[in-house]
Amino acid sequence: MKSKVIILSCLMCLIVLSIGHESSWALGKKSSKIGVVDIRKIFQDCKRNAKYREAATAEQGRILTELEKLSKEIEVERLGLRALKSDSADYMTTVKGLLTKQAKLQAQQEFYKQQLEMKDQRWTEGLYQDIIEATDKVANKKGFDLVLENERPEFPSATPSDLMMSIRTNKVIYAGGCTDITNDVMAAVDAMK
């Protein structure tokens, strides 16, 4: 999902840049004032994201405790099963309860996984929208005509596909003369409620 957002934002930036360049050339306009923002840095360093990650870690801890408790109950029943005769009614009742708890554990694990992924996705989308809004406000306030995303790739890449993703998505190679407004945008994002 993040890679799609990055690719789309890069394409939008290129389109806006080419439209801006051609329109300024056609009008004989003076050069545009261009700013750059490092979105990854804002995601990593903003206070709002740190608070969210702290709360998400606490929630994950609570969920893991709940799942571990159920897992221990299953293990206790599994050990208790050994003391029963395999042809007794108690044995079959215990097997049924054990299988039910195992199914419940698997269902809860899948549910919590999907729930946390969805929550992270919604949080990331909301924060990204706020970054866009804050960038717009800062750029208007400072009189920029164009703001590009200027994320520096991290090397060495973890995998070859990560390397190729960096090559494909990092389109601003040099931003000399452009003003970096990342810290201003991060402050505006942290000030939002």
C-alpha atoms as a PDB file:
ATOM      1  CA  MET A   1       0.000   0.000   0.000  1.00  0.00           C
ATOM      2  CA  LYS A   2       2.814   2.386   0.926  1.00  0.00           C
ATOM      3  CA  SER A   3       4.602   1.675  -2.328  1.00  0.00           C
ATOM      4  CA  LYS A   4       1.464   2.522  -4.308  1.00  0.00           C
ATOM      5  CA  VAL A   5       1.146   5.821  -2.433  1.00  0.00           C
ATOM      6  CA  ILE A   6       4.800   6.626  -3.080  1.00  0.00           C
ATOM      7  CA  ILE A   7       4.541   5.783  -6.775  1.00  0.00           C
ATOM      8  CA  LEU A   8       1.366   7.820  -7.180  1.00  0.00           C
ATOM      9  CA  SER A   9       2.848  10.805  -5.359  1.00  0.00           C
ATOM     10  CA  CYS A  10       5.976  10.670  -7.526  1.00  0.00           C
ATOM     11  CA  LEU A  11       3.899  10.520 -10.699  1.00  0.00           C
ATOM     12  CA  MET A  12       1.741  13.412  -9.531  1.00  0.00           C
ATOM     13  CA  CYS A  13       4.855  15.435  -8.729  1.00  0.00           C
ATOM     14  CA  LEU A  14       6.295  14.770 -12.175  1.00  0.00           C
ATOM     15  CA  ILE A  15       3.042  15.774 -13.866  1.00  0.00           C
ATOM     16  CA  VAL A  16       2.764  18.939 -11.801  1.00  0.00           C
ATOM     17  CA  LEU A  17       6.418  19.746 -12.449  1.00  0.00           C
ATOM     18  CA  SER A  18       6.084  19.296 -16.205  1.00  0.00           C
ATOM     19  CA  ILE A  19       2.852  21.307 -16.337  1.00  0.00           C
ATOM     20  CA  GLY A  20       4.409  24.036 -14.227  1.00  0.00           C
ATOM     21  CA  HIS A  21       7.529  24.096 -16.364  1.00  0.00           C
ATOM     22  CA  GLU A  22       5.627  24.280 -19.648  1.00  0.00           C
ATOM     23  CA  SER A  23       3.199  26.920 -18.433  1.00  0.00           C
ATOM     24  CA  SER A  24       5.982  29.099 -17.055  1.00  0.00           C
ATOM     25  CA  TRP A  25       7.932  28.699 -20.289  1.00  0.00           C
ATOM     26  CA  ALA A  26       4.873  29.557 -22.376  1.00  0.00           C
ATOM     27  CA  LEU A  27       4.124  32.643 -20.320  1.00  0.00           C
ATOM     28  CA  GLY A  28       7.728  33.764 -20.128  1.00  0.00           C
ATOM     29  CA  LYS A  29       7.336  33.696 -16.351  1.00  0.00           C
ATOM     30  CA  LYS A  30      10.277  33.933 -13.988  1.00  0.00           C
ATOM     31  CA  SER A  31      11.497  30.748 -12.333  1.00  0.00           C
ATOM     32  CA  SER A  32       9.263  29.125  -9.753  1.00  0.00           C
ATOM     33  CA  LYS A  33       9.978  28.907  -6.067  1.00  0.00           C
ATOM     34  CA  ILE A  34      10.287  25.191  -5.292  1.00  0.00           C
ATOM     35  CA  GLY A  35      10.343  23.441  -1.939  1.00  0.00           C
ATOM     36  CA  VAL A  36      11.022  19.862  -0.948  1.00  0.00           C
ATOM     37  CA  VAL A  37       9.648  17.669   1.852  1.00  0.00           C
ATOM     38  CA  ASP A  38      10.962  14.353   3.183  1.00  0.00           C
ATOM     39  CA  ILE A  39       7.765  12.419   3.948  1.00  0.00           C
ATOM     40  CA  ARG A  40       9.609   9.432   5.455  1.00  0.00           C
ATOM     41  CA  LYS A  41      11.360  11.695   7.953  1.00  0.00           C
ATOM     42  CA  ILE A  42       8.030  13.157   9.029  1.00  0.00           C
ATOM     43  CA  PHE A  43       6.550   9.673   9.475  1.00  0.00           C
ATOM     44  CA  GLN A  44       9.566   8.567  11.491  1.00  0.00           C
ATOM     45  CA  ASP A  45      10.113  11.667  13.612  1.00  0.00           C
ATOM     46  CA  CYS A  46       6.769  13.382  14.199  1.00  0.00           C
ATOM     47  CA  LYS A  47       5.411  13.341  17.744  1.00  0.00           C
ATOM     48  CA  ARG A  48       1.928  12.233  16.657  1.00  0.00           C
ATOM     49  CA  ASN A  49       3.284   9.081  15.064  1.00  0.00           C
ATOM     50  CA  ALA A  50       5.428   8.341  18.135  1.00  0.00           C
ATOM     51  CA  LYS A  51       2.329   8.576  20.366  1.00  0.00           C
ATOM     52  CA  TYR A  52       0.370   6.315  18.025  1.00  0.00           C
ATOM     53  CA  ARG A  53       3.177   3.740  17.901  1.00  0.00           C
ATOM     54  CA  GLU A  54       3.387   3.769  21.698  1.00  0.00           C
ATOM     55  CA  ALA A  55      -0.362   3.134  21.997  1.00  0.00           C
ATOM     56  CA  ALA A  56      -0.239   0.470  19.263  1.00  0.00           C
ATOM     57  CA  THR A  57       2.619  -1.314  21.045  1.00  0.00           C
ATOM     58  CA  ALA A  58       0.636  -1.304  24.291  1.00  0.00           C
ATOM     59  CA  GLU A  59      -2.407  -2.718  22.483  1.00  0.00           C
ATOM     60  CA  GLN A  60      -0.275  -5.416  20.841  1.00  0.00           C
ATOM     61  CA  GLY A  61       1.100  -6.317  24.272  1.00  0.00           C
ATOM     62  CA  ARG A  62      -2.427  -6.676  25.662  1.00  0.00           C
ATOM     63  CA  ILE A  63      -3.431  -8.846  22.715  1.00  0.00           C
ATOM     64  CA  LEU A  64      -0.335 -11.041  23.049  1.00  0.00           C
ATOM     65  CA  THR A  65      -1.053 -11.524  26.763  1.00  0.00           C
ATOM     66  CA  GLU A  66      -4.613 -12.613  25.951  1.00  0.00           C
ATOM     67  CA  LEU A  67      -3.427 -15.025  23.251  1.00  0.00           C
ATOM     68  CA  GLU A  68      -0.665 -16.439  25.466  1.00  0.00           C
ATOM     69  CA  LYS A  69      -3.220 -17.091  28.226  1.00  0.00           C
ATOM     70  CA  LEU A  70      -5.400 -19.067  25.808  1.00  0.00           C
ATOM     71  CA  SER A  71      -2.340 -20.896  24.477  1.00  0.00           C
ATOM     72  CA  LYS A  72      -1.341 -21.927  28.016  1.00  0.00           C
ATOM     73  CA  GLU A  73      -4.872 -23.184  28.687  1.00  0.00           C
ATOM     74  CA  ILE A  74      -4.591 -25.322  25.553  1.00  0.00           C
ATOM     75  CA  GLU A  75      -1.245 -26.707  26.681  1.00  0.00           C
ATOM     76  CA  VAL A  76      -2.619 -27.560  30.142  1.00  0.00           C
ATOM     77  CA  GLU A  77      -5.554 -29.408  28.552  1.00  0.00           C
ATOM     78  CA  ARG A  78      -3.174 -31.200  26.201  1.00  0.00           C
ATOM     79  CA  LEU A  79      -1.117 -32.398  29.167  1.00  0.00           C
ATOM     80  CA  GLY A  80      -4.281 -33.380  31.049  1.00  0.00           C
ATOM     81  CA  LEU A  81      -5.371 -35.421  28.061  1.00  0.00           C
ATOM     82  CA  ARG A  82      -2.467 -37.798  28.628  1.00  0.00           C
ATOM     83  CA  ALA A  83      -3.881 -38.802  32.020  1.00  0.00           C
ATOM     84  CA  LEU A  84      -7.194 -39.915  30.491  1.00  0.00           C
ATOM     85  CA  LYS A  85      -7.930 -43.200  28.790  1.00  0.00           C
ATOM     86  CA  SER A  86      -8.375 -42.741  25.056  1.00  0.00           C
ATOM     87  CA  ASP A  87     -11.620 -44.721  24.950  1.00  0.00           C
ATOM     88  CA  SER A  88     -13.358 -42.844  27.784  1.00  0.00           C
ATOM     89  CA  ALA A  89     -16.114 -40.239  27.496  1.00  0.00           C
ATOM     90  CA  ASP A  90     -13.975 -37.747  29.466  1.00  0.00           C
ATOM     91  CA  TYR A  91     -11.194 -38.146  26.892  1.00  0.00           C
ATOM     92  CA  MET A  92     -13.504 -37.301  23.990  1.00  0.00           C
ATOM     93  CA  THR A  93     -15.038 -34.359  25.873  1.00  0.00           C
ATOM     94  CA  THR A  94     -11.551 -33.016  26.603  1.00  0.00           C
ATOM     95  CA  VAL A  95     -10.475 -33.505  22.955  1.00  0.00           C
ATOM     96  CA  LYS A  96     -13.542 -31.599  21.813  1.00  0.00           C
ATOM     97  CA  GLY A  97     -12.819 -28.745  24.243  1.00  0.00           C
ATOM     98  CA  LEU A  98      -9.148 -28.734  23.218  1.00  0.00           C
ATOM     99  CA  LEU A  99      -9.945 -28.554  19.505  1.00  0.00           C
ATOM    100  CA  THR A 100     -12.511 -25.817  20.146  1.00  0.00           C
ATOM    101  CA  LYS A 101      -9.942 -23.742  22.061  1.00  0.00           C
ATOM    102  CA  GLN A 102      -7.328 -24.288  19.339  1.00  0.00           C
ATOM    103  CA  ALA A 103      -9.790 -23.099  16.699  1.00  0.00           C
ATOM    104  CA  LYS A 104     -10.665 -20.105  18.871  1.00  0.00           C
ATOM    105  CA  LEU A 105      -6.963 -19.274  19.271  1.00  0.00           C
ATOM    106  CA  GLN A 106      -6.369 -19.431  15.509  1.00  0.00           C
ATOM    107  CA  ALA A 107      -9.456 -17.324  14.807  1.00  0.00           C
ATOM    108  CA  GLN A 108      -8.427 -14.701  17.355  1.00  0.00           C
ATOM    109  CA  GLN A 109      -4.882 -14.569  15.987  1.00  0.00           C
ATOM    110  CA  GLU A 110      -6.190 -13.938  12.468  1.00  0.00           C
ATOM    111  CA  PHE A 111      -8.764 -11.421  13.686  1.00  0.00           C
ATOM    112  CA  TYR A 112      -6.235  -9.411  15.692  1.00  0.00           C
ATOM    113  CA  LYS A 113      -3.747  -9.500  12.809  1.00  0.00           C
ATOM    114  CA  GLN A 114      -6.319  -8.084  10.391  1.00  0.00           C
ATOM    115  CA  GLN A 115      -7.593  -5.585  12.963  1.00  0.00           C
ATOM    116  CA  LEU A 116      -4.110  -4.209  13.668  1.00  0.00           C
ATOM    117  CA  GLU A 117      -3.226  -4.028   9.964  1.00  0.00           C
ATOM    118  CA  MET A 118      -6.455  -2.149   9.217  1.00  0.00           C
ATOM    119  CA  LYS A 119      -5.877   0.219  12.123  1.00  0.00           C
ATOM    120  CA  ASP A 120      -2.304   0.910  10.946  1.00  0.00           C
ATOM    121  CA  GLN A 121      -3.510   1.514   7.404  1.00  0.00           C
ATOM    122  CA  ARG A 122      -6.180   3.982   8.533  1.00  0.00           C
ATOM    123  CA  TRP A 123      -3.668   5.766  10.782  1.00  0.00           C
ATOM    124  CA  THR A 124      -1.101   5.998   7.976  1.00  0.00           C
ATOM    125  CA  GLU A 125      -3.703   7.303   5.523  1.00  0.00           C
ATOM    126  CA  GLY A 126      -4.889   9.928   7.994  1.00  0.00           C
ATOM    127  CA  LEU A 127      -1.374  11.056   8.847  1.00  0.00           C
ATOM    128  CA  TYR A 128      -0.443  11.240   5.165  1.00  0.00           C
ATOM    129  CA  GLN A 129      -3.521  13.376   4.460  1.00  0.00           C
ATOM    130  CA  ASP A 130      -2.499  15.661   7.317  1.00  0.00           C
ATOM    131  CA  ILE A 131       1.026  15.891   5.891  1.00  0.00           C
ATOM    132  CA  ILE A 132      -0.429  16.941   2.535  1.00  0.00           C
ATOM    133  CA  GLU A 133      -2.651  19.536   4.228  1.00  0.00           C
ATOM    134  CA  ALA A 134       0.247  20.858   6.337  1.00  0.00           C
ATOM    135  CA  THR A 135       2.501  21.009   3.266  1.00  0.00           C
ATOM    136  CA  ASP A 136      -0.154  23.024   1.455  1.00  0.00           C
ATOM    137  CA  LYS A 137      -0.414  25.505   4.351  1.00  0.00           C
ATOM    138  CA  VAL A 138       3.357  25.880   4.770  1.00  0.00           C
ATOM    139  CA  ALA A 139       3.917  26.222   1.017  1.00  0.00           C
ATOM    140  CA  ASN A 140       1.209  28.890   0.696  1.00  0.00           C
ATOM    141  CA  LYS A 141       2.540  30.761   3.718  1.00  0.00           C
ATOM    142  CA  LYS A 142       6.105  30.739   2.346  1.00  0.00           C
ATOM    143  CA  GLY A 143       5.049  31.506  -1.229  1.00  0.00           C
ATOM    144  CA  PHE A 144       6.134  28.286  -2.942  1.00  0.00           C
ATOM    145  CA  ASP A 145       4.860  27.493  -6.414  1.00  0.00           C
ATOM    146  CA  LEU A 146       5.720  23.807  -6.162  1.00  0.00           C
ATOM    147  CA  VAL A 147       6.687  21.336  -3.432  1.00  0.00           C
ATOM    148  CA  LEU A 148       8.227  17.963  -4.277  1.00  0.00           C
ATOM    149  CA  GLU A 149       8.692  14.911  -2.120  1.00  0.00           C
ATOM    150  CA  ASN A 150      12.433  14.465  -1.593  1.00  0.00           C
ATOM    151  CA  GLU A 151      13.045  11.198   0.197  1.00  0.00           C
ATOM    152  CA  ARG A 152      16.563   9.844   0.345  1.00  0.00           C
ATOM    153  CA  PRO A 153      16.753   6.066  -0.143  1.00  0.00           C
ATOM    154  CA  GLU A 154      18.282   3.967   2.598  1.00  0.00           C
ATOM    155  CA  PHE A 155      21.306   1.887   1.643  1.00  0.00           C
ATOM    156  CA  PRO A 156      22.108  -0.912   1.729  1.00  0.00           C
ATOM    157  CA  SER A 157      18.701  -2.141   0.651  1.00  0.00           C
ATOM    158  CA  ALA A 158      17.241  -5.080   2.535  1.00  0.00           C
ATOM    159  CA  THR A 159      16.243  -6.957  -0.605  1.00  0.00           C
ATOM    160  CA  PRO A 160      16.705  -6.579  -4.356  1.00  0.00           C
ATOM    161  CA  SER A 161      13.009  -5.656  -4.671  1.00  0.00           C
ATOM    162  CA  ASP A 162      13.503  -2.868  -2.087  1.00  0.00           C
ATOM    163  CA  LEU A 163      16.416  -1.568  -4.154  1.00  0.00           C
ATOM    164  CA  MET A 164      14.331  -1.583  -7.337  1.00  0.00           C
ATOM    165  CA  MET A 165      11.468   0.145  -5.502  1.00  0.00           C
ATOM    166  CA  SER A 166      13.877   2.887  -4.383  1.00  0.00           C
ATOM    167  CA  ILE A 167      15.184   3.330  -7.905  1.00  0.00           C
ATOM    168  CA  ARG A 168      11.660   3.529  -9.331  1.00  0.00           C
ATOM    169  CA  THR A 169      10.163   5.858  -6.730  1.00  0.00           C
ATOM    170  CA  ASN A 170      12.935   8.284  -5.736  1.00  0.00           C
ATOM    171  CA  LYS A 171      12.736  10.736  -8.599  1.00  0.00           C
ATOM    172  CA  VAL A 172      14.192  13.862  -7.012  1.00  0.00           C
ATOM    173  CA  ILE A 173      17.903  13.136  -7.265  1.00  0.00           C
ATOM    174  CA  TYR A 174      19.127  16.664  -6.691  1.00  0.00           C
ATOM    175  CA  ALA A 175      17.305  19.540  -5.041  1.00  0.00           C
ATOM    176  CA  GLY A 176      19.977  22.258  -4.893  1.00  0.00           C
ATOM    177  CA  GLY A 177      18.393  25.669  -4.681  1.00  0.00           C
ATOM    178  CA  CYS A 178      15.129  24.210  -3.396  1.00  0.00           C
ATOM    179  CA  THR A 179      14.110  24.993   0.149  1.00  0.00           C
ATOM    180  CA  ASP A 180      13.611  22.014   2.462  1.00  0.00           C
ATOM    181  CA  ILE A 181      10.420  22.635   4.437  1.00  0.00           C
ATOM    182  CA  THR A 182      10.299  19.213   6.124  1.00  0.00           C
ATOM    183  CA  ASN A 183      10.721  20.553   9.676  1.00  0.00           C
ATOM    184  CA  ASP A 184       8.077  23.249   9.118  1.00  0.00           C
ATOM    185  CA  VAL A 185       5.623  20.661   7.797  1.00  0.00           C
ATOM    186  CA  MET A 186       6.419  18.290  10.690  1.00  0.00           C
ATOM    187  CA  ALA A 187       5.741  21.080  13.203  1.00  0.00           C
ATOM    188  CA  ALA A 188       2.423  21.841  11.476  1.00  0.00           C
ATOM    189  CA  VAL A 189       1.457  18.138  11.521  1.00  0.00           C
ATOM    190  CA  ASP A 190       2.296  17.838  15.222  1.00  0.00           C
ATOM    191  CA  ALA A 191       0.210  20.943  15.918  1.00  0.00           C
ATOM    192  CA  MET A 192      -2.868  19.369  14.296  1.00  0.00           C
ATOM    193  CA  LYS A 193      -5.361  17.566  16.513  1.00  0.00           C
END
